[in-house]
Amino acid sequence: MEPRVGDKFRLGRKIGSGSFGEIYLGINIQTNEEVAIKLENVKTKHPQLLYESKLYKILQGGSMKFFFFFDCLEQVFLLFLFIIANFFFFFVLAAGIPNVRWYGIEGEYNVLVMDLLGPSLEDLFNFCGRKFSLKTVLMLADQMINRVEFVHSKYFLHRDIKPDNFLMGLGRRANQVYIIDFGLAKKYRDSSTHQHIPYRENKNLTGTARYASVNTHLGIEQSRRDDMESLGYVLMYFLRGSLPWQGLKAGTKKQKYEKISERKVATSIEALCRGYPSEFASYFHYCRSLRFDDKPDYAYLKRLFRDLFIHEGFQFDYVFDWTVLKSQQSQNASAPPRPIISGVGPSSGLVPATANDKHSGGEEGRISGWPAADSPHLARVPPPAVHAGTLAKQKTPLGNEPSVNKEAAFDFSGAIKRIFKASCCF
């Protein structure tokens, strides 16, 4: 009997693993749609999938209920405006948050079924020779700011903004950026009282040192300004190919983080952004001018990059660098090649992903100030060099592995014509 979870999801081959457990390709037997299935042993010391599922529900607005009472035309009109505003909020800004399909317990495992997403921006960055063009960076920046703004609107800080935690969608949403990995997320404002968390010092570094804000390195409690500063470092990483504090040598991780902090503090905004449009320096100056509990002016930051985009004469056509590269590879091939970038199922050259491991073990990995029980981790898929097919022979933990052979290659030329209308654009 083939292994199933939630009665309607067939468990396929293993496609990744992380500190929490393992992730498998799955199929919805009712719709034949591919999904990602995360498994966590129920006996694990610090269960994490339940926390993760609850957080995604909050971000998706699943627990919100509204009751309206009106007795006049004016209130009906206000209700109409409210509905329109919420439609925009949840279907435009909230686009880019993976959906939870099912959570429950099957045998010895906690199970979380989620959307299957495409390659991360880090994967695509490597695919493109570790450099993105200005056009690609600006198209990504607009969506990425929207994603962080939406998370903040739900009173949460992400606290681990990095390329690995932004993934591209699949199919009709192949041009849409998703934000993932909320294992270090923290609520910064009480939903009832609207009280902001207090300013504190002497905090441990939470997040990834390479992209952490200066204040985070200095031990200051994180707030919205820090997520935005981290996003700025990601954008400069894409433009420059690397950041000045990468590749530093040290005897221990603690010494490594200290060296990164020292180099980052010593690097002026002008030096970091030298040779690139002044809008990037303006972005950093604005983020660093924010007070602890200030709400960032997201519209201003997006406008900075949108005006630059227009000034450069770019066309917002969703033709990213990897789109061009894949098209060139297809044209140069003597025979139809196996897709290199897909993000869907077993046809992927880059393994499908939904998240990444908290403890990546890299030179600039992250350390959390949270106790282990409060620090749930998401899965990290195998690196892009590992072809999805190499994992096909691994056995599932719930029984014999079924055959999962659905091909769904990323159609780059068609994707441009199928722009997801609700995604964020200029």
Protein backbone atom coordinates (compact mmCIF):
# COMPACT_ATOMS: atom_id res chain seq x y z
CA MET A 1 0.00 0.00 0.00
CA GLU A 2 1.39 3.39 -1.00
CA PRO A 3 2.15 5.79 1.87
CA ARG A 4 -0.31 8.65 2.29
CA VAL A 5 -0.71 11.59 4.64
CA GLY A 6 -3.88 13.48 5.38
CA ASP A 7 -5.83 10.90 3.34
CA LYS A 8 -5.22 12.74 0.07
CA PHE A 9 -1.45 13.30 -0.24
CA ARG A 10 0.76 10.54 -1.65
CA LEU A 11 4.29 10.59 -0.29
CA GLY A 12 7.03 10.58 -2.91
CA ARG A 13 10.80 10.74 -2.88
CA LYS A 14 12.92 12.64 -0.42
CA ILE A 15 14.06 16.02 -1.76
CA GLY A 16 15.72 17.59 1.28
CA SER A 17 16.37 17.60 4.99
CA GLY A 18 17.07 19.96 7.85
CA SER A 19 17.47 20.11 11.59
CA PHE A 20 13.73 19.54 12.05
CA GLY A 21 13.48 16.41 9.92
CA GLU A 22 13.03 15.65 6.23
CA ILE A 23 11.09 16.98 3.28
CA TYR A 24 9.49 14.90 0.55
CA LEU A 25 7.83 15.47 -2.76
CA GLY A 26 4.14 14.68 -2.59
CA ILE A 27 1.12 14.46 -4.84
CA ASN A 28 -2.44 15.50 -4.09
CA ILE A 29 -4.25 12.40 -5.33
CA GLN A 30 -7.44 14.40 -5.94
CA THR A 31 -5.89 17.13 -8.10
CA ASN A 32 -2.56 15.53 -9.13
CA GLU A 33 -0.84 18.69 -7.85
CA GLU A 34 2.69 18.45 -6.47
CA VAL A 35 3.30 19.59 -2.90
CA ALA A 36 6.08 19.62 -0.34
CA ILE A 37 5.65 17.33 2.68
CA LYS A 38 7.72 17.92 5.82
CA LEU A 39 8.11 15.11 8.34
CA GLU A 40 9.25 15.47 11.94
CA ASN A 41 9.52 12.58 14.39
CA VAL A 42 6.96 12.99 17.17
CA LYS A 43 9.63 12.01 19.69
CA THR A 44 11.93 14.88 18.75
CA LYS A 45 13.08 16.88 21.75
CA HIS A 46 11.90 20.22 20.41
CA PRO A 47 8.93 19.83 18.00
CA GLN A 48 8.81 22.64 15.46
CA LEU A 49 6.28 21.90 12.73
CA LEU A 50 3.26 22.83 14.84
CA TYR A 51 4.77 26.25 15.54
CA GLU A 52 5.55 26.69 11.88
CA SER A 53 2.04 25.78 10.77
CA LYS A 54 0.51 28.24 13.24
CA LEU A 55 2.78 31.04 12.09
CA TYR A 56 1.90 30.47 8.45
CA LYS A 57 -1.78 30.53 9.39
CA ILE A 58 -1.30 33.92 11.02
CA LEU A 59 0.51 35.24 7.95
CA GLN A 60 -2.24 33.92 5.70
CA GLY A 61 -4.92 35.62 7.79
CA GLY A 62 -6.59 32.31 8.51
CA SER A 63 -7.67 33.19 12.02
CA MET A 64 -9.22 36.56 11.20
CA LYS A 65 -12.96 37.03 11.58
CA PHE A 66 -14.95 40.19 10.87
CA PHE A 67 -18.48 41.07 11.93
CA PHE A 68 -20.21 44.16 10.58
CA PHE A 69 -23.38 45.88 11.66
CA PHE A 70 -24.62 48.80 9.62
CA ASP A 71 -27.86 50.68 9.30
CA CYS A 72 -27.10 53.49 6.90
CA LEU A 73 -25.74 54.02 3.42
CA GLU A 74 -22.55 55.65 4.71
CA GLN A 75 -21.62 52.55 6.69
CA VAL A 76 -22.34 50.36 3.68
CA PHE A 77 -19.95 52.51 1.65
CA LEU A 78 -17.29 52.28 4.36
CA LEU A 79 -17.74 48.52 4.40
CA PHE A 80 -17.24 48.45 0.64
CA LEU A 81 -14.00 50.42 0.96
CA PHE A 82 -12.86 48.10 3.73
CA ILE A 83 -13.47 45.03 1.58
CA ILE A 84 -11.58 46.56 -1.36
CA ALA A 85 -8.65 47.49 0.89
CA ASN A 86 -8.50 44.00 2.35
CA PHE A 87 -8.71 42.44 -1.10
CA PHE A 88 -5.62 44.42 -2.09
CA PHE A 89 -3.89 43.66 1.19
CA PHE A 90 -4.38 39.91 1.19
CA PHE A 91 -4.27 39.16 -2.52
CA VAL A 92 -1.50 41.56 -3.54
CA LEU A 93 0.73 42.12 -0.54
CA ALA A 94 0.02 38.68 0.93
CA ALA A 95 0.89 37.02 -2.35
CA GLY A 96 4.24 35.39 -1.86
CA ILE A 97 3.49 33.55 1.38
CA PRO A 98 3.43 29.74 0.92
CA ASN A 99 0.13 28.04 1.73
CA VAL A 100 -0.21 25.32 4.33
CA ARG A 101 -2.30 22.51 2.84
CA TRP A 102 -2.50 20.26 5.90
CA TYR A 103 -0.99 19.66 9.30
CA GLY A 104 -1.41 16.58 11.47
CA ILE A 105 0.13 13.41 12.84
CA GLU A 106 0.66 10.26 10.80
CA GLY A 107 2.12 7.31 12.71
CA GLU A 108 5.41 8.41 14.24
CA TYR A 109 5.56 11.72 12.39
CA ASN A 110 4.29 15.26 12.64
CA VAL A 111 3.44 16.22 9.08
CA LEU A 112 3.20 19.61 7.38
CA VAL A 113 2.02 19.79 3.76
CA MET A 114 2.84 23.02 1.93
CA ASP A 115 3.12 24.56 -1.50
CA LEU A 116 6.02 23.29 -3.56
CA LEU A 117 8.17 26.25 -4.55
CA GLY A 118 10.97 26.84 -7.02
CA PRO A 119 14.67 27.66 -6.56
CA SER A 120 15.86 30.23 -4.04
CA LEU A 121 17.45 33.51 -5.06
CA GLU A 122 20.75 32.12 -3.78
CA ASP A 123 20.39 29.15 -6.14
CA LEU A 124 19.61 31.47 -9.05
CA PHE A 125 22.46 33.80 -8.05
CA ASN A 126 24.88 30.88 -8.34
CA PHE A 127 23.31 29.80 -11.62
CA CYS A 128 23.93 33.28 -13.04
CA GLY A 129 27.62 33.33 -12.11
CA ARG A 130 27.12 35.08 -8.77
CA LYS A 131 26.15 38.44 -10.26
CA PHE A 132 22.75 39.95 -10.99
CA SER A 133 22.18 42.87 -13.34
CA LEU A 134 20.75 46.15 -12.04
CA LYS A 135 17.47 45.42 -13.81
CA THR A 136 17.07 42.04 -12.12
CA VAL A 137 17.96 43.47 -8.70
CA LEU A 138 15.41 46.27 -9.04
CA MET A 139 12.65 43.90 -10.17
CA LEU A 140 13.40 41.65 -7.20
CA ALA A 141 13.70 44.55 -4.74
CA ASP A 142 10.15 45.73 -5.36
CA GLN A 143 8.66 42.35 -4.50
CA MET A 144 11.05 41.68 -1.62
CA ILE A 145 10.17 44.96 0.10
CA ASN A 146 6.50 44.06 -0.29
CA ARG A 147 7.06 40.67 1.32
CA VAL A 148 8.85 42.12 4.33
CA GLU A 149 6.22 44.84 4.65
CA PHE A 150 3.50 42.20 4.78
CA VAL A 151 5.26 40.20 7.49
CA HIS A 152 5.64 43.41 9.51
CA SER A 153 1.95 44.20 9.01
CA LYS A 154 1.19 40.99 10.90
CA TYR A 155 3.31 42.27 13.82
CA PHE A 156 6.21 39.89 13.15
CA LEU A 157 9.88 40.48 12.42
CA HIS A 158 11.54 37.95 10.13
CA ARG A 159 15.03 38.34 11.63
CA ASP A 160 16.78 36.22 9.00
CA ILE A 161 16.55 38.11 5.73
CA LYS A 162 18.89 36.43 3.22
CA PRO A 163 18.82 35.15 -0.39
CA ASP A 164 18.13 31.55 0.71
CA ASN A 165 14.85 32.67 2.30
CA PHE A 166 13.36 34.12 -0.88
CA LEU A 167 12.14 31.57 -3.42
CA MET A 168 10.57 31.91 -6.84
CA GLY A 169 7.19 30.40 -7.52
CA LEU A 170 6.21 27.82 -10.11
CA GLY A 171 4.06 27.72 -13.22
CA ARG A 172 1.88 30.82 -13.50
CA ARG A 173 3.63 32.21 -10.42
CA ALA A 174 7.15 31.57 -11.70
CA ASN A 175 7.89 35.30 -11.60
CA GLN A 176 6.60 35.78 -8.08
CA VAL A 177 8.96 36.02 -5.10
CA TYR A 178 8.04 34.08 -1.94
CA ILE A 179 9.40 34.68 1.54
CA ILE A 180 9.97 31.63 3.75
CA ASP A 181 11.66 30.38 6.92
CA PHE A 182 10.06 32.00 9.95
CA GLY A 183 11.94 29.93 12.49
CA LEU A 184 13.56 33.02 14.00
CA ALA A 185 10.55 35.29 13.54
CA LYS A 186 9.50 37.29 16.57
CA LYS A 187 6.38 39.25 17.38
CA TYR A 188 7.32 42.89 17.86
CA ARG A 189 3.90 44.30 18.76
CA ASP A 190 1.03 42.99 20.88
CA SER A 191 -2.06 42.43 18.73
CA SER A 192 -4.46 43.63 21.43
CA THR A 193 -2.63 46.50 23.12
CA HIS A 194 -0.44 47.42 20.11
CA GLN A 195 2.43 47.80 22.55
CA HIS A 196 5.83 47.60 20.87
CA ILE A 197 8.48 45.34 22.40
CA PRO A 198 10.89 47.30 24.63
CA TYR A 199 14.33 48.47 23.59
CA ARG A 200 17.02 46.18 24.98
CA GLU A 201 20.77 45.80 24.70
CA ASN A 202 23.27 42.98 25.21
CA LYS A 203 21.27 40.62 22.98
CA ASN A 204 22.83 37.64 21.25
CA LEU A 205 23.11 37.81 17.48
CA THR A 206 19.98 36.30 15.95
CA GLY A 207 20.05 35.69 12.22
CA THR A 208 22.78 35.31 9.61
CA ALA A 209 25.88 37.37 10.37
CA ARG A 210 26.59 38.24 6.73
CA TYR A 211 23.30 40.13 6.37
CA ALA A 212 22.69 41.22 9.98
CA SER A 213 22.24 44.93 10.64
CA VAL A 214 24.91 46.93 12.44
CA ASN A 215 22.63 47.33 15.47
CA THR A 216 22.13 43.58 15.62
CA HIS A 217 25.89 43.09 15.75
CA LEU A 218 26.03 45.66 18.56
CA GLY A 219 23.59 43.60 20.63
CA ILE A 220 20.54 45.83 20.25
CA GLU A 221 17.07 44.26 20.17
CA GLN A 222 15.88 43.92 16.59
CA SER A 223 12.94 45.83 15.17
CA ARG A 224 11.53 46.56 11.72
CA ARG A 225 14.46 48.76 10.75
CA ASP A 226 16.82 45.79 11.04
CA ASP A 227 14.88 43.62 8.58
CA MET A 228 15.02 46.49 6.10
CA GLU A 229 18.76 47.05 6.56
CA SER A 230 19.38 43.33 6.08
CA LEU A 231 17.41 43.46 2.84
CA GLY A 232 19.70 46.25 1.67
CA TYR A 233 22.74 44.03 2.22
CA VAL A 234 21.06 41.30 0.17
CA LEU A 235 20.54 43.72 -2.72
CA MET A 236 24.17 44.89 -2.62
CA TYR A 237 25.29 41.25 -2.44
CA PHE A 238 23.40 40.63 -5.68
CA LEU A 239 24.89 43.69 -7.38
CA ARG A 240 28.47 43.38 -6.16
CA GLY A 241 28.76 39.60 -6.18
CA SER A 242 29.97 39.61 -2.58
CA LEU A 243 30.09 41.80 0.53
CA PRO A 244 33.29 43.28 2.03
CA TRP A 245 33.01 41.16 5.18
CA GLN A 246 32.86 37.81 3.38
CA GLY A 247 35.76 35.36 3.50
CA LEU A 248 37.24 36.55 6.78
CA LYS A 249 39.29 33.91 8.59
CA ALA A 250 39.03 33.20 12.32
CA GLY A 251 39.71 30.39 14.76
CA THR A 252 36.18 30.08 16.14
CA LYS A 253 32.68 31.03 15.05
CA LYS A 254 32.50 33.64 17.78
CA GLN A 255 35.70 35.24 16.51
CA LYS A 256 34.32 35.02 12.99
CA TYR A 257 31.19 36.93 13.94
CA GLU A 258 33.28 39.54 15.75
CA LYS A 259 35.44 40.08 12.66
CA ILE A 260 32.36 40.41 10.46
CA SER A 261 30.93 42.95 12.88
CA GLU A 262 34.15 44.98 12.96
CA ARG A 263 34.47 45.04 9.16
CA LYS A 264 30.80 45.91 8.69
CA VAL A 265 30.91 48.78 11.18
CA ALA A 266 34.12 50.08 9.58
CA THR A 267 32.66 49.96 6.06
CA SER A 268 30.88 53.22 5.27
CA ILE A 269 27.67 53.25 3.27
CA GLU A 270 29.46 55.20 0.54
CA ALA A 271 32.23 52.59 0.33
CA LEU A 272 29.72 49.74 0.23
CA CYS A 273 27.69 51.34 -2.56
CA ARG A 274 30.56 52.95 -4.51
CA GLY A 275 30.15 52.47 -8.25
CA TYR A 276 26.42 51.79 -8.01
CA PRO A 277 23.40 54.13 -8.27
CA SER A 278 23.07 56.57 -5.36
CA GLU A 279 19.61 55.21 -4.57
CA PHE A 280 21.20 52.25 -2.79
CA ALA A 281 23.17 54.54 -0.49
CA SER A 282 19.98 56.52 0.11
CA TYR A 283 18.24 53.28 1.08
CA PHE A 284 20.84 52.52 3.76
CA HIS A 285 20.94 56.08 5.09
CA TYR A 286 17.18 55.99 5.51
CA CYS A 287 17.14 52.59 7.25
CA ARG A 288 19.89 53.61 9.67
CA SER A 289 18.07 56.87 10.47
CA LEU A 290 15.04 55.00 11.83
CA ARG A 291 14.46 54.89 15.56
CA PHE A 292 13.86 51.58 17.33
CA ASP A 293 10.06 51.56 17.12
CA ASP A 294 9.66 53.56 13.89
CA LYS A 295 7.57 52.15 11.09
CA PRO A 296 9.63 52.17 7.88
CA ASP A 297 8.23 54.13 4.96
CA TYR A 298 8.03 51.14 2.64
CA ALA A 299 6.43 53.21 -0.13
CA TYR A 300 9.37 55.63 -0.10
CA LEU A 301 11.88 52.79 -0.37
CA LYS A 302 10.00 51.18 -3.24
CA ARG A 303 9.70 54.55 -4.95
CA LEU A 304 13.48 55.03 -4.76
CA PHE A 305 14.03 51.89 -6.81
CA ARG A 306 11.03 52.37 -9.10
CA ASP A 307 12.20 55.84 -10.10
CA LEU A 308 15.68 54.45 -10.76
CA PHE A 309 14.17 51.65 -12.84
CA ILE A 310 12.31 54.17 -15.00
CA HIS A 311 15.32 56.48 -15.24
CA GLU A 312 17.43 53.58 -16.54
CA GLY A 313 14.83 52.91 -19.24
CA PHE A 314 14.17 49.34 -18.13
CA GLN A 315 10.99 47.50 -19.02
CA PHE A 316 9.27 45.54 -16.27
CA ASP A 317 8.84 42.41 -18.37
CA TYR A 318 9.89 39.79 -15.79
CA VAL A 319 12.87 38.86 -17.95
CA PHE A 320 15.32 38.11 -15.15
CA ASP A 321 18.97 37.23 -15.70
CA TRP A 322 18.25 33.52 -15.30
CA THR A 323 15.48 33.81 -17.92
CA VAL A 324 17.98 35.10 -20.47
CA LEU A 325 20.65 32.58 -19.50
CA LYS A 326 18.29 29.64 -19.76
CA SER A 327 17.04 30.86 -23.12
CA GLN A 328 20.62 31.14 -24.40
CA GLN A 329 21.44 27.65 -23.18
CA SER A 330 18.38 26.26 -24.93
CA GLN A 331 19.30 27.96 -28.20
CA ASN A 332 22.91 26.75 -28.06
CA ALA A 333 22.01 23.16 -27.33
CA SER A 334 22.00 20.81 -30.31
CA ALA A 335 19.19 18.81 -28.75
CA PRO A 336 16.43 19.73 -26.31
CA PRO A 337 18.23 19.84 -22.93
CA ARG A 338 16.97 18.65 -19.61
CA PRO A 339 15.74 21.78 -17.80
CA ILE A 340 18.43 23.32 -15.60
CA ILE A 341 16.12 25.63 -13.71
CA SER A 342 12.69 24.33 -13.02
CA GLY A 343 11.80 24.16 -9.39
CA VAL A 344 9.05 21.66 -10.10
CA GLY A 345 9.21 18.03 -9.17
CA PRO A 346 11.72 15.51 -10.51
CA SER A 347 12.47 17.45 -13.68
CA SER A 348 14.38 20.08 -11.75
CA GLY A 349 18.03 20.79 -12.22
CA LEU A 350 17.79 22.89 -9.09
CA VAL A 351 16.06 20.89 -6.41
CA PRO A 352 12.57 22.16 -5.47
CA ALA A 353 12.61 24.03 -2.22
CA THR A 354 10.38 25.41 0.44
CA ALA A 355 12.91 26.48 3.04
CA ASN A 356 16.39 26.18 4.44
CA ASP A 357 18.12 24.81 7.48
CA LYS A 358 18.72 27.25 10.28
CA HIS A 359 22.21 25.96 11.00
CA SER A 360 23.71 25.93 7.54
CA GLY A 361 27.24 25.49 8.80
CA GLY A 362 28.55 28.16 6.44
CA GLU A 363 31.23 30.64 7.31
CA GLU A 364 28.66 33.25 8.16
CA GLY A 365 25.96 31.03 9.59
CA ARG A 366 23.57 32.25 12.22
CA ILE A 367 23.20 31.94 15.93
CA SER A 368 19.97 32.47 17.74
CA GLY A 369 19.27 34.13 21.04
CA TRP A 370 16.19 31.94 21.38
CA PRO A 371 16.21 28.75 23.44
CA ALA A 372 16.04 25.67 21.25
CA ALA A 373 12.41 24.98 22.12
CA ASP A 374 11.37 28.37 20.75
CA SER A 375 13.47 28.25 17.62
CA PRO A 376 11.77 26.02 15.03
CA HIS A 377 13.70 25.30 11.87
CA LEU A 378 12.61 24.85 8.30
CA ALA A 379 14.17 22.43 5.85
CA ARG A 380 17.20 23.16 3.71
CA VAL A 381 17.12 21.47 0.36
CA PRO A 382 20.23 19.90 -1.16
CA PRO A 383 22.59 22.35 -2.90
CA PRO A 384 21.93 23.18 -6.54
CA ALA A 385 24.76 20.91 -7.68
CA VAL A 386 22.80 17.89 -6.47
CA HIS A 387 20.42 16.79 -9.17
CA ALA A 388 16.95 15.87 -8.00
CA GLY A 389 17.21 12.53 -9.71
CA THR A 390 20.06 11.45 -7.46
CA LEU A 391 17.63 11.28 -4.57
CA ALA A 392 15.03 9.19 -6.34
CA LYS A 393 16.10 5.84 -4.86
CA GLN A 394 15.78 6.88 -1.22
CA LYS A 395 13.02 5.19 0.73
CA THR A 396 10.16 6.99 2.43
CA PRO A 397 9.69 6.49 6.18
CA LEU A 398 6.04 5.51 5.81
CA GLY A 399 6.43 2.56 3.50
CA ASN A 400 7.53 1.72 -0.04
CA GLU A 401 8.07 4.74 -2.18
CA PRO A 402 5.50 5.27 -4.91
CA SER A 403 6.46 6.29 -8.40
CA VAL A 404 6.37 10.06 -8.88
CA ASN A 405 7.24 10.83 -12.48
CA LYS A 406 5.27 13.95 -13.29
CA GLU A 407 7.30 16.32 -15.46
CA ALA A 408 6.63 20.03 -15.09
CA ALA A 409 9.52 22.00 -16.57
CA PHE A 410 9.77 25.76 -16.10
CA ASP A 411 8.62 27.37 -19.36
CA PHE A 412 10.70 30.55 -19.41
CA SER A 413 9.24 32.08 -22.56
CA GLY A 414 5.69 31.25 -21.57
CA ALA A 415 6.20 32.47 -18.04
CA ILE A 416 6.71 36.02 -19.23
CA LYS A 417 3.33 35.95 -20.98
CA ARG A 418 1.64 34.47 -17.90
CA ILE A 419 2.50 37.24 -15.45
CA PHE A 420 0.68 36.78 -12.21
CA LYS A 421 -1.52 39.89 -12.26
CA ALA A 422 -1.75 40.17 -8.49
CA SER A 423 2.01 40.17 -7.95
CA CYS A 424 3.78 43.38 -7.15
CA CYS A 425 4.88 45.37 -10.18
CA PHE A 426 5.65 48.91 -11.20
